[in-house]
Amino acid sequence: EEKARAFGELVVQDQRGRFKPVNTMTDEVLRKISRKESWDGQNSDQVYLGMQTFPEEWMDVPFIKIGSNTELQEMLHIDGKYASYNDFFKPDYVLRDVVRKAYNMEPRDRGTLEKEVMKLDEKVNICNMVFSGRLAKLFPLVNDQNNLWITSYDASQVQSRNELEMFVAQYHSSLVAALQKGLNSGDWADTDLLVNTLGAFQRKFGGAVMPSRRKIDLEIALNKANVFGRLGSIYGLVGLMLLVAFFTTVFTDKMHLRWPVTAGFGLMAFFFLLHTLGLATRWYVSGHAPWSNGYESMIYIAWTTVMAGLIFSRKSLGGMAATAILASIILMVAHLSWLDPEITPLVPVLKSYWLTIHVSMEAGSYGFLTLGAIIGALNLLLMIFANAGNKAGLFRRVKEMTYISEMTLIGGLVMISIGTYLGGVWANESWGRYWGWDAKETWALVTILVYAFILHMRLIPGMRGIYAFNVASLFGFATVMMTYFGVNYYLSGLHSYAAGDPVPIPTFVYYTVGTLTLISLLAYWKYRKYGPSN
């Protein structure tokens, strides 16, 4: 493990040109192949070196995740969710024809099988590159004006080589031999020498573009801490405890207990501080604001959600519970397989100070508006449990939560309005016009208008009251979902740097809408029967 850690502290250039610790690359490789942080008690650095040192043995290890797709399992003649590298070659590449067919199809025509096959093909190719030493660009190309780094395999393909090029060309085989010697005899001197020599080689010929020692150490620490993944579980646990305490105070005579509120606020403030430190570290390591891609925007929205809760719900147990549960859900979604946590270089249009200003306001508003929707849903659920005995206390609590929701929506509306206005200024710098009815721009405006209407419903006869406001705050969230997800996946426009492949609307969306509609109708029935006016 010690030798693997030293190797992980070296620097590598990835396919996008970013310089990062080898540990980051090995984490990405293992996560891509197995969807795991470790394998059989070995960390990612150990797995990577093991694949290079004993490729024949690792080719028989079933660590390539294929999931539960029965068609893929039948193609590979396996029963479980994991396949070995050799399962794909019998002796020819099993997926060759179906992969070729999938890549020749239009993205919108690809079904689940084709998408899964393409992902599997990528995993197999990554394994092949690791086994053969063709993945890691560890060696600065001496005197190259473009600061290009190469692999040991690249250098071995050059016919005439000087002494430095010979060192690079033979490094992979030398390291493999040294690792095998160390494992067999316990003599790690050759391994230490090779790792230290490569570190010196990198500093001498690539020091100008390498990250600082502090950045390398912080990025490795961020990888190992898995701050945002762990916070997702922690927020969820805190949220469930606060929710139990909240319902206890609503349905018993302990409605005026203050210590759960104080404890909840203290816990959330502490974990918010850790969340902030994680974001700040990612900002420092990447060199840009941590909201430039789908994963980063999700962890940032979770951060603004907690911030909104601490500002507006600090004296409300229900509001704090909703905040914690929502932050947990957002962070868990951020760590699903279709969002890549990899730090990537910015595309040219995002290399602007406007990224920090415009996107922070625009994406940050989503946390406030989402919290308002969750509080609205919680209020509607509470209304369903109203009866003649508890209606006074229950609706008093619902009214309190509604005020919190209203303040949260006001904060969100202000942020998205400022963000959209500043987005026009950035658009003029990038594309030469302030407004062009691009899909993202249009739906941002729709969201502003919808929430402006929701916040003014109290002035419209027939639309006043806590029930109408909570229903509107819940279903108004659909415009946020369309602006954030829908535009990226179903519409085209100039904001394509945030887009993904078009996908069918997931079935759970229809069930969710149906369930929320049913909850709203049941809440309306109870509101009419036991509400404040009755």
Protein backbone atom coordinates (compact mmCIF):
# COMPACT_ATOMS: atom_id res chain seq x y z
CA GLU A 1 0.00 0.00 0.00
CA GLU A 2 2.88 2.38 0.81
CA LYS A 3 4.44 1.83 -2.64
CA ALA A 4 1.06 2.32 -4.33
CA ARG A 5 0.55 5.57 -2.41
CA ALA A 6 3.94 6.89 -3.57
CA PHE A 7 3.04 6.01 -7.16
CA GLY A 8 -0.34 7.74 -6.72
CA GLU A 9 1.41 10.99 -5.79
CA LEU A 10 3.05 11.24 -9.24
CA VAL A 11 1.45 13.43 -11.91
CA VAL A 12 -0.30 12.34 -15.10
CA GLN A 13 -1.78 14.23 -18.05
CA ASP A 14 -5.29 13.05 -18.94
CA GLN A 15 -6.93 12.86 -22.36
CA ARG A 16 -8.30 16.41 -21.99
CA GLY A 17 -4.88 17.84 -21.16
CA ARG A 18 -5.41 18.30 -17.42
CA PHE A 19 -2.48 17.55 -15.09
CA LYS A 20 -3.54 15.67 -11.97
CA PRO A 21 -2.27 13.13 -9.42
CA VAL A 22 -2.07 9.53 -10.59
CA ASN A 23 -4.36 8.72 -7.64
CA THR A 24 -7.13 10.76 -9.27
CA MET A 25 -6.69 8.85 -12.52
CA THR A 26 -6.76 5.46 -10.79
CA ASP A 27 -9.88 6.48 -8.84
CA GLU A 28 -11.58 7.41 -12.11
CA VAL A 29 -10.49 4.16 -13.78
CA LEU A 30 -11.80 1.93 -10.99
CA ARG A 31 -15.02 3.93 -10.67
CA LYS A 32 -15.56 3.72 -14.42
CA ILE A 33 -14.90 -0.03 -14.59
CA SER A 34 -16.45 -1.28 -11.35
CA ARG A 35 -18.48 1.63 -9.93
CA LYS A 36 -16.53 1.13 -6.70
CA GLU A 37 -13.97 3.08 -4.66
CA SER A 38 -11.96 -0.07 -3.87
CA TRP A 39 -11.88 -3.73 -4.89
CA ASP A 40 -11.35 -6.73 -2.64
CA GLY A 41 -9.70 -4.61 0.04
CA GLN A 42 -7.36 -2.87 -2.40
CA ASN A 43 -7.49 0.86 -3.11
CA SER A 44 -7.51 2.20 -6.65
CA ASP A 45 -3.71 2.70 -6.80
CA GLN A 46 -3.14 -0.91 -5.79
CA VAL A 47 -5.69 -2.19 -8.31
CA TYR A 48 -4.09 -0.17 -11.11
CA LEU A 49 -0.57 -1.39 -10.34
CA GLY A 50 -1.86 -4.93 -9.93
CA MET A 51 -3.46 -4.81 -13.38
CA GLN A 52 -0.13 -3.76 -14.86
CA THR A 53 2.00 -6.16 -12.83
CA PHE A 54 -0.15 -9.29 -13.19
CA PRO A 55 -2.34 -8.67 -16.25
CA GLU A 56 -3.05 -12.38 -16.90
CA GLU A 57 -4.45 -12.85 -13.39
CA TRP A 58 -6.53 -9.65 -13.50
CA MET A 59 -7.99 -10.62 -16.88
CA ASP A 60 -9.79 -13.44 -15.07
CA VAL A 61 -11.10 -11.26 -12.23
CA PRO A 62 -14.84 -10.43 -12.61
CA PHE A 63 -14.61 -6.74 -11.73
CA ILE A 64 -16.14 -5.12 -14.84
CA LYS A 65 -19.68 -4.09 -13.91
CA ILE A 66 -22.33 -4.98 -16.48
CA GLY A 67 -25.38 -4.50 -14.26
CA SER A 68 -28.58 -6.55 -14.39
CA ASN A 69 -29.20 -6.43 -18.14
CA THR A 70 -30.15 -10.02 -18.98
CA GLU A 71 -29.35 -9.60 -22.69
CA LEU A 72 -25.76 -8.64 -21.88
CA GLN A 73 -25.48 -11.49 -19.40
CA GLU A 74 -26.64 -13.92 -22.09
CA MET A 75 -24.16 -12.50 -24.63
CA LEU A 76 -21.31 -13.00 -22.17
CA HIS A 77 -22.65 -16.31 -20.78
CA ILE A 78 -22.50 -15.13 -17.17
CA ASP A 79 -25.03 -14.96 -14.33
CA GLY A 80 -23.82 -12.13 -12.08
CA LYS A 81 -23.50 -8.37 -12.37
CA TYR A 82 -19.74 -8.46 -12.99
CA ALA A 83 -17.70 -9.92 -15.83
CA SER A 84 -14.00 -10.53 -16.30
CA TYR A 85 -11.98 -9.10 -19.19
CA ASN A 86 -11.62 -12.57 -20.69
CA ASP A 87 -15.41 -12.99 -20.72
CA PHE A 88 -15.47 -10.52 -23.62
CA PHE A 89 -13.11 -12.57 -25.82
CA LYS A 90 -14.12 -16.11 -26.89
CA PRO A 91 -11.73 -15.81 -28.72
CA ASP A 92 -13.06 -12.88 -30.79
CA TYR A 93 -14.54 -9.76 -29.21
CA VAL A 94 -18.08 -10.79 -28.22
CA LEU A 95 -19.55 -7.28 -28.48
CA ARG A 96 -17.94 -6.33 -31.81
CA ASP A 97 -21.05 -6.45 -34.02
CA VAL A 98 -23.48 -4.93 -31.54
CA VAL A 99 -20.98 -2.15 -30.67
CA ARG A 100 -20.52 -1.31 -34.33
CA LYS A 101 -24.29 -1.20 -34.79
CA ALA A 102 -24.77 1.04 -31.72
CA TYR A 103 -22.18 3.60 -32.85
CA ASN A 104 -23.77 3.76 -36.31
CA MET A 105 -27.18 4.66 -34.84
CA GLU A 106 -28.43 8.19 -34.17
CA PRO A 107 -28.31 8.98 -30.42
CA ARG A 108 -32.10 9.36 -30.25
CA ASP A 109 -32.57 5.88 -31.76
CA ARG A 110 -30.35 4.06 -29.28
CA GLY A 111 -32.17 1.88 -26.80
CA THR A 112 -31.10 0.74 -23.36
CA LEU A 113 -29.12 -2.20 -24.77
CA GLU A 114 -27.14 -0.04 -27.20
CA LYS A 115 -26.26 2.48 -24.49
CA GLU A 116 -25.19 -0.23 -22.07
CA VAL A 117 -23.09 -1.89 -24.78
CA MET A 118 -21.31 1.38 -25.56
CA LYS A 119 -20.51 1.87 -21.88
CA LEU A 120 -19.22 -1.69 -21.62
CA ASP A 121 -17.08 -1.24 -24.73
CA GLU A 122 -15.48 1.80 -23.11
CA LYS A 123 -14.75 -0.19 -19.94
CA VAL A 124 -13.14 -3.01 -21.92
CA ASN A 125 -10.99 -0.52 -23.84
CA ILE A 126 -9.87 1.15 -20.61
CA CYS A 127 -8.88 -2.24 -19.17
CA ASN A 128 -6.93 -3.02 -22.33
CA MET A 129 -5.05 0.29 -22.09
CA VAL A 130 -4.18 -0.32 -18.43
CA PHE A 131 -2.98 -3.87 -19.08
CA SER A 132 -0.74 -2.71 -21.94
CA GLY A 133 0.56 0.47 -20.27
CA ARG A 134 -1.04 2.75 -22.87
CA LEU A 135 -3.27 4.78 -20.55
CA ALA A 136 -1.11 6.87 -18.22
CA LYS A 137 0.72 9.80 -19.82
CA LEU A 138 3.42 10.03 -17.17
CA PHE A 139 6.34 11.38 -19.19
CA PRO A 140 6.81 15.01 -20.31
CA LEU A 141 7.91 15.21 -23.92
CA VAL A 142 11.24 17.01 -23.61
CA ASN A 143 11.25 20.55 -25.07
CA ASP A 144 7.71 20.21 -26.46
CA GLN A 145 6.09 23.64 -26.95
CA ASN A 146 2.59 22.24 -26.35
CA ASN A 147 3.57 20.62 -23.04
CA LEU A 148 2.54 17.21 -24.31
CA TRP A 149 3.10 14.17 -22.10
CA ILE A 150 3.32 10.62 -23.44
CA THR A 151 3.06 7.03 -22.26
CA SER A 152 5.90 4.53 -22.07
CA TYR A 153 4.20 2.69 -24.93
CA ASP A 154 4.30 5.83 -27.13
CA ALA A 155 8.06 6.13 -26.61
CA SER A 156 8.61 2.45 -27.39
CA GLN A 157 7.16 2.98 -30.89
CA VAL A 158 9.97 5.41 -31.84
CA GLN A 159 12.76 3.66 -33.78
CA SER A 160 15.81 5.81 -32.95
CA ARG A 161 15.97 6.86 -29.29
CA ASN A 162 18.40 8.81 -27.12
CA GLU A 163 19.12 7.99 -23.48
CA LEU A 164 16.10 9.85 -22.09
CA GLU A 165 13.78 8.27 -24.63
CA MET A 166 15.19 4.84 -23.78
CA PHE A 167 14.37 5.49 -20.10
CA VAL A 168 10.77 6.37 -21.00
CA ALA A 169 10.36 3.47 -23.43
CA GLN A 170 11.61 0.89 -20.95
CA TYR A 171 9.97 2.37 -17.83
CA HIS A 172 6.77 0.32 -17.93
CA SER A 173 8.52 -3.03 -18.22
CA SER A 174 11.11 -1.99 -15.62
CA LEU A 175 8.41 -0.96 -13.12
CA VAL A 176 6.50 -4.21 -13.66
CA ALA A 177 9.68 -6.23 -13.05
CA ALA A 178 10.49 -4.19 -9.93
CA LEU A 179 6.98 -4.64 -8.51
CA GLN A 180 7.08 -8.38 -9.13
CA LYS A 181 10.47 -8.56 -7.42
CA GLY A 182 9.17 -6.62 -4.44
CA LEU A 183 6.10 -8.82 -4.05
CA ASN A 184 8.12 -12.03 -4.37
CA SER A 185 11.16 -11.15 -2.25
CA GLY A 186 10.16 -8.11 -0.20
CA ASP A 187 12.96 -6.07 -1.80
CA TRP A 188 11.37 -2.79 -2.89
CA ALA A 189 14.59 -0.87 -3.61
CA ASP A 190 14.13 -1.00 -7.39
CA THR A 191 10.51 0.14 -7.12
CA ASP A 192 11.44 3.07 -4.87
CA LEU A 193 14.24 4.07 -7.25
CA LEU A 194 11.98 3.98 -10.32
CA VAL A 195 9.17 5.96 -8.66
CA ASN A 196 11.59 8.58 -7.29
CA THR A 197 13.40 8.81 -10.64
CA LEU A 198 10.12 9.36 -12.48
CA GLY A 199 9.15 12.05 -9.97
CA ALA A 200 12.45 13.85 -10.58
CA PHE A 201 12.03 13.43 -14.36
CA GLN A 202 8.55 15.00 -14.20
CA ARG A 203 9.73 17.94 -12.11
CA LYS A 204 12.72 18.60 -14.37
CA PHE A 205 10.98 18.46 -17.75
CA GLY A 206 7.36 19.19 -16.82
CA GLY A 207 7.61 21.29 -13.68
CA ALA A 208 6.31 24.40 -15.44
CA VAL A 209 2.86 22.85 -16.01
CA MET A 210 2.63 20.48 -13.04
CA PRO A 211 0.32 21.31 -10.11
CA SER A 212 2.02 22.44 -6.93
CA ARG A 213 2.78 19.95 -4.17
CA ARG A 214 0.00 21.48 -2.08
CA LYS A 215 -2.55 21.03 -4.88
CA ILE A 216 -1.51 17.43 -5.40
CA ASP A 217 -1.82 16.64 -1.69
CA LEU A 218 -5.20 18.41 -1.41
CA GLU A 219 -6.61 16.65 -4.47
CA ILE A 220 -5.56 13.25 -3.12
CA ALA A 221 -7.07 14.14 0.26
CA LEU A 222 -10.30 15.18 -1.48
CA ASN A 223 -10.36 11.87 -3.35
CA LYS A 224 -9.92 9.84 -0.18
CA ALA A 225 -12.32 11.89 1.95
CA ASN A 226 -15.22 11.52 -0.53
CA VAL A 227 -16.76 14.53 1.20
CA PHE A 228 -19.88 14.92 -0.91
CA GLY A 229 -20.72 11.21 -1.07
CA ARG A 230 -20.49 10.89 2.70
CA LEU A 231 -22.41 14.11 3.31
CA GLY A 232 -25.27 12.68 1.25
CA SER A 233 -25.67 9.87 3.79
CA ILE A 234 -25.10 12.15 6.78
CA TYR A 235 -27.65 14.75 5.66
CA GLY A 236 -30.15 11.92 5.10
CA LEU A 237 -29.63 10.51 8.60
CA VAL A 238 -29.92 13.95 10.22
CA GLY A 239 -32.99 14.72 8.10
CA LEU A 240 -34.79 11.53 9.16
CA MET A 241 -34.07 12.21 12.84
CA LEU A 242 -35.33 15.78 12.52
CA LEU A 243 -38.41 14.60 10.62
CA VAL A 244 -39.29 12.13 13.39
CA ALA A 245 -38.81 14.88 15.97
CA PHE A 246 -40.95 17.24 13.87
CA PHE A 247 -43.88 14.83 13.58
CA THR A 248 -43.55 14.07 17.29
CA THR A 249 -43.94 17.74 18.16
CA VAL A 250 -46.87 18.16 15.75
CA PHE A 251 -48.94 15.22 16.95
CA THR A 252 -48.16 15.37 20.69
CA ASP A 253 -48.28 18.03 23.37
CA LYS A 254 -44.54 18.71 22.94
CA MET A 255 -45.00 21.31 20.24
CA HIS A 256 -42.99 23.96 22.07
CA LEU A 257 -39.81 21.94 22.68
CA ARG A 258 -36.82 23.99 21.50
CA TRP A 259 -33.86 21.67 22.03
CA PRO A 260 -34.47 19.59 18.87
CA VAL A 261 -34.41 22.81 16.84
CA THR A 262 -31.18 23.96 18.46
CA ALA A 263 -29.54 20.54 18.03
CA GLY A 264 -30.70 20.29 14.42
CA PHE A 265 -29.38 23.74 13.58
CA GLY A 266 -26.03 22.97 15.21
CA LEU A 267 -25.61 19.71 13.30
CA MET A 268 -26.60 21.25 9.98
CA ALA A 269 -24.29 24.23 10.53
CA PHE A 270 -21.36 21.89 11.22
CA PHE A 271 -21.97 19.74 8.14
CA PHE A 272 -22.56 22.87 6.06
CA LEU A 273 -19.08 24.01 7.08
CA LEU A 274 -17.63 20.67 5.88
CA HIS A 275 -19.62 21.04 2.64
CA THR A 276 -18.18 24.53 2.19
CA LEU A 277 -14.62 23.31 2.79
CA GLY A 278 -15.15 20.55 0.22
CA LEU A 279 -16.35 23.02 -2.40
CA ALA A 280 -13.53 25.44 -1.61
CA THR A 281 -10.95 22.64 -1.94
CA ARG A 282 -12.39 21.54 -5.28
CA TRP A 283 -12.31 25.18 -6.45
CA TYR A 284 -8.65 25.52 -5.46
CA VAL A 285 -7.63 22.19 -6.99
CA SER A 286 -9.48 22.68 -10.30
CA GLY A 287 -8.64 26.37 -10.67
CA HIS A 288 -12.24 27.33 -11.47
CA ALA A 289 -15.56 27.72 -9.68
CA PRO A 290 -17.03 24.28 -8.84
CA TRP A 291 -20.26 24.59 -10.82
CA SER A 292 -19.10 24.09 -14.41
CA ASN A 293 -20.66 20.67 -15.13
CA GLY A 294 -23.60 18.51 -14.08
CA TYR A 295 -21.96 16.93 -11.04
CA GLU A 296 -20.50 20.18 -9.73
CA SER A 297 -23.77 22.05 -10.18
CA MET A 298 -25.58 19.37 -8.16
CA ILE A 299 -23.19 19.55 -5.20
CA TYR A 300 -23.40 23.35 -5.39
CA ILE A 301 -27.21 23.30 -5.45
CA ALA A 302 -27.13 21.02 -2.40
CA TRP A 303 -24.89 23.61 -0.72
CA THR A 304 -27.27 26.49 -1.50
CA THR A 305 -30.18 24.35 -0.27
CA VAL A 306 -28.51 23.95 3.12
CA MET A 307 -27.64 27.64 3.16
CA ALA A 308 -31.28 28.55 2.48
CA GLY A 309 -32.39 26.22 5.27
CA LEU A 310 -29.93 27.72 7.76
CA ILE A 311 -31.07 31.24 6.87
CA PHE A 312 -34.84 30.77 6.76
CA SER A 313 -35.51 27.59 8.77
CA ARG A 314 -33.15 28.00 11.68
CA LYS A 315 -36.09 28.16 14.12
CA SER A 316 -38.26 25.57 12.39
CA LEU A 317 -37.80 21.85 12.96
CA GLY A 318 -39.86 20.96 9.88
CA GLY A 319 -37.96 23.36 7.67
CA MET A 320 -34.62 22.04 8.89
CA ALA A 321 -35.76 18.43 8.32
CA ALA A 322 -36.86 19.28 4.77
CA THR A 323 -33.51 20.99 4.16
CA ALA A 324 -31.46 18.00 5.31
CA ILE A 325 -33.52 15.44 3.38
CA LEU A 326 -33.44 17.53 0.20
CA ALA A 327 -29.67 18.06 0.44
CA SER A 328 -29.26 14.30 0.90
CA ILE A 329 -31.38 13.50 -2.15
CA ILE A 330 -29.49 16.00 -4.33
CA LEU A 331 -26.08 14.63 -3.30
CA MET A 332 -27.21 11.05 -3.81
CA VAL A 333 -28.47 11.93 -7.29
CA ALA A 334 -25.12 13.62 -7.97
CA HIS A 335 -23.39 10.30 -7.31
CA LEU A 336 -25.53 8.24 -9.68
CA SER A 337 -23.76 6.58 -12.59
CA TRP A 338 -24.79 9.15 -15.21
CA LEU A 339 -23.04 12.05 -13.46
CA ASP A 340 -19.24 11.98 -13.60
CA PRO A 341 -17.45 13.58 -10.61
CA GLU A 342 -14.24 13.97 -12.64
CA ILE A 343 -12.66 17.44 -12.58
CA THR A 344 -12.45 18.57 -16.20
CA PRO A 345 -10.90 21.60 -17.96
CA LEU A 346 -13.33 24.35 -18.89
CA VAL A 347 -14.60 24.68 -22.44
CA PRO A 348 -13.58 28.06 -23.95
CA VAL A 349 -16.94 29.81 -23.43
CA LEU A 350 -16.79 29.05 -19.69
CA LYS A 351 -13.30 30.51 -19.24
CA SER A 352 -14.70 33.76 -17.95
CA TYR A 353 -15.24 35.46 -14.61
CA TRP A 354 -18.92 35.41 -15.55
CA LEU A 355 -18.95 31.69 -14.74
CA THR A 356 -18.43 32.57 -11.09
CA ILE A 357 -21.05 35.33 -11.10
CA HIS A 358 -23.83 34.21 -13.47
CA VAL A 359 -23.85 30.46 -12.80
CA SER A 360 -23.49 30.88 -9.04
CA MET A 361 -26.67 32.98 -8.98
CA GLU A 362 -28.60 30.91 -11.52
CA ALA A 363 -27.75 27.45 -10.14
CA GLY A 364 -27.82 28.73 -6.56
CA SER A 365 -31.42 29.84 -6.98
CA TYR A 366 -32.41 26.25 -7.74
CA GLY A 367 -31.52 25.25 -4.18
CA PHE A 368 -33.86 27.91 -2.75
CA LEU A 369 -36.71 27.08 -5.15
CA THR A 370 -36.32 23.33 -4.60
CA LEU A 371 -36.47 23.80 -0.84
CA GLY A 372 -39.69 25.77 -1.28
CA ALA A 373 -41.16 22.86 -3.28
CA ILE A 374 -40.16 20.28 -0.65
CA ILE A 375 -41.66 22.37 2.16
CA GLY A 376 -44.82 22.69 0.05
CA ALA A 377 -45.00 18.89 -0.29
CA LEU A 378 -44.42 18.45 3.46
CA ASN A 379 -47.20 20.92 4.25
CA LEU A 380 -49.63 19.09 1.97
CA LEU A 381 -48.76 15.81 3.67
CA LEU A 382 -49.40 17.38 7.07
CA MET A 383 -52.82 18.61 5.91
CA ILE A 384 -53.82 15.03 5.05
CA PHE A 385 -53.40 14.08 8.74
CA ALA A 386 -55.62 16.92 9.98
CA ASN A 387 -58.62 16.04 12.16
CA ALA A 388 -60.94 17.79 14.58
CA GLY A 389 -58.60 17.14 17.50
CA ASN A 390 -55.31 18.40 16.08
CA LYS A 391 -56.38 20.93 13.47
CA ALA A 392 -55.49 24.04 15.50
CA GLY A 393 -51.91 23.03 16.24
CA LEU A 394 -51.34 21.34 12.89
CA PHE A 395 -52.45 24.27 10.76
CA ARG A 396 -50.50 26.65 12.98
CA ARG A 397 -47.39 24.65 12.12
CA VAL A 398 -48.35 24.52 8.43
CA LYS A 399 -48.80 28.29 8.41
CA GLU A 400 -45.36 28.75 10.00
CA MET A 401 -43.78 26.47 7.39
CA THR A 402 -45.62 28.31 4.60
CA TYR A 403 -44.07 31.61 5.71
CA ILE A 404 -40.64 29.95 5.57
CA SER A 405 -41.40 28.61 2.09
CA GLU A 406 -42.48 32.06 0.93
CA MET A 407 -39.26 33.67 2.17
CA THR A 408 -37.25 30.90 0.51
CA LEU A 409 -39.02 31.43 -2.82
CA ILE A 410 -38.43 35.18 -2.61
CA GLY A 411 -34.71 34.53 -2.15
CA GLY A 412 -34.72 32.10 -5.07
CA LEU A 413 -36.64 34.49 -7.33
CA VAL A 414 -34.22 37.32 -6.59
CA MET A 415 -31.23 35.09 -7.36
CA ILE A 416 -32.58 33.66 -10.62
CA SER A 417 -33.65 37.13 -11.78
CA ILE A 418 -30.19 38.57 -11.14
CA GLY A 419 -28.56 35.49 -12.67
CA THR A 420 -30.64 35.71 -15.84
CA TYR A 421 -29.94 39.43 -16.20
CA LEU A 422 -26.20 38.88 -15.78
CA GLY A 423 -26.43 35.95 -18.19
CA GLY A 424 -27.52 38.42 -20.84
CA VAL A 425 -24.38 40.48 -20.24
CA TRP A 426 -22.23 37.34 -20.55
CA ALA A 427 -24.13 36.30 -23.69
CA ASN A 428 -23.27 39.64 -25.27
CA GLU A 429 -19.58 39.08 -24.53
CA SER A 430 -19.64 35.48 -25.81
CA TRP A 431 -22.11 35.56 -28.70
CA GLY A 432 -22.61 39.24 -29.50
CA ARG A 433 -26.22 39.56 -28.34
CA TYR A 434 -27.94 40.01 -25.00
CA TRP A 435 -31.01 37.88 -25.66
CA GLY A 436 -31.78 35.39 -28.40
CA TRP A 437 -34.65 33.23 -27.13
CA ASP A 438 -32.25 30.33 -26.70
CA ALA A 439 -33.96 27.39 -24.96
CA LYS A 440 -32.10 27.94 -21.68
CA GLU A 441 -32.78 31.68 -21.72
CA THR A 442 -36.45 31.19 -22.52
CA TRP A 443 -37.06 28.67 -19.77
CA ALA A 444 -35.17 30.79 -17.24
CA LEU A 445 -37.60 33.60 -18.09
CA VAL A 446 -40.57 31.22 -17.78
CA THR A 447 -39.33 30.19 -14.34
CA ILE A 448 -39.04 33.83 -13.25
CA LEU A 449 -42.58 34.61 -14.43
CA VAL A 450 -44.07 31.50 -12.81
CA TYR A 451 -42.50 32.19 -9.41
CA ALA A 452 -43.35 35.88 -9.61
CA PHE A 453 -46.98 34.80 -10.12
CA ILE A 454 -46.82 32.32 -7.22
CA LEU A 455 -45.50 34.99 -4.85
CA HIS A 456 -48.28 37.39 -5.91
CA MET A 457 -51.13 34.87 -5.62
CA ARG A 458 -51.94 36.23 -2.15
CA LEU A 459 -53.15 39.42 -3.86
CA ILE A 460 -55.54 37.58 -6.20
CA PRO A 461 -59.04 36.76 -4.87
CA GLY A 462 -59.71 33.04 -5.11
CA MET A 463 -56.01 32.15 -5.07
CA ARG A 464 -55.20 33.20 -1.54
CA GLY A 465 -54.56 30.84 1.31
CA ILE A 466 -51.90 28.42 2.47
CA TYR A 467 -53.26 25.49 0.46
CA ALA A 468 -53.09 27.28 -2.89
CA PHE A 469 -49.62 28.63 -2.17
CA ASN A 470 -48.19 25.23 -1.20
CA VAL A 471 -49.68 23.51 -4.25
CA ALA A 472 -48.28 26.25 -6.50
CA SER A 473 -44.82 26.12 -4.89
CA LEU A 474 -44.78 22.34 -5.40
CA PHE A 475 -45.90 22.19 -9.02
CA GLY A 476 -44.13 25.42 -9.99
CA PHE A 477 -40.93 23.47 -9.42
CA ALA A 478 -41.59 21.78 -12.78
CA THR A 479 -40.25 24.91 -14.48
CA VAL A 480 -36.98 24.58 -12.55
CA MET A 481 -36.70 20.94 -13.61
CA MET A 482 -37.32 21.93 -17.22
CA THR A 483 -34.73 24.72 -17.07
CA TYR A 484 -32.08 22.56 -15.40
CA PHE A 485 -32.66 19.08 -16.89
CA GLY A 486 -35.23 19.33 -19.65
CA VAL A 487 -33.45 21.94 -21.75
CA ASN A 488 -30.19 19.98 -21.61
CA TYR A 489 -31.69 16.65 -22.64
CA TYR A 490 -34.68 17.47 -24.85
CA LEU A 491 -33.99 20.83 -26.48
CA SER A 492 -31.03 22.24 -28.40
CA GLY A 493 -29.31 25.58 -28.00
CA LEU A 494 -26.13 27.48 -27.30
CA HIS A 495 -25.88 25.99 -23.81
CA SER A 496 -24.91 22.63 -25.32
CA TYR A 497 -21.78 22.37 -23.14
CA ALA A 498 -24.11 21.21 -20.38
CA ALA A 499 -26.08 18.77 -22.51
CA GLY A 500 -26.40 15.02 -22.58
CA ASP A 501 -27.75 12.46 -25.01
CA PRO A 502 -31.53 12.64 -25.51
CA VAL A 503 -33.29 10.05 -23.38
CA PRO A 504 -36.92 8.99 -23.01
CA ILE A 505 -38.79 10.55 -20.10
CA PRO A 506 -38.25 8.12 -17.20
CA THR A 507 -41.34 6.20 -16.14
CA PHE A 508 -40.96 7.31 -12.52
CA VAL A 509 -41.70 10.90 -13.58
CA TYR A 510 -45.28 9.97 -14.47
CA TYR A 511 -45.74 8.07 -11.20
CA THR A 512 -44.30 11.00 -9.25
CA VAL A 513 -46.65 13.51 -10.87
CA GLY A 514 -49.61 11.19 -10.25
CA THR A 515 -48.65 10.68 -6.60
CA LEU A 516 -48.20 14.42 -5.98
CA THR A 517 -51.55 15.12 -7.63
CA LEU A 518 -53.24 12.57 -5.37
CA ILE A 519 -51.57 14.08 -2.30
CA SER A 520 -52.75 17.54 -3.38
CA LEU A 521 -56.35 16.34 -3.80
CA LEU A 522 -56.40 14.61 -0.41
CA ALA A 523 -54.88 17.70 1.21
CA TYR A 524 -57.55 19.87 -0.45
CA TRP A 525 -60.29 17.67 0.98
CA LYS A 526 -58.86 17.95 4.50
CA TYR A 527 -58.17 21.67 4.09
CA ARG A 528 -61.78 22.32 3.10
CA LYS A 529 -62.96 20.28 6.09
CA TYR A 530 -60.58 21.39 8.84
CA GLY A 531 -58.71 24.40 7.45
CA PRO A 532 -58.41 27.78 9.21
CA SER A 533 -61.60 29.13 7.61
CA ASN A 534 -63.54 26.17 9.06
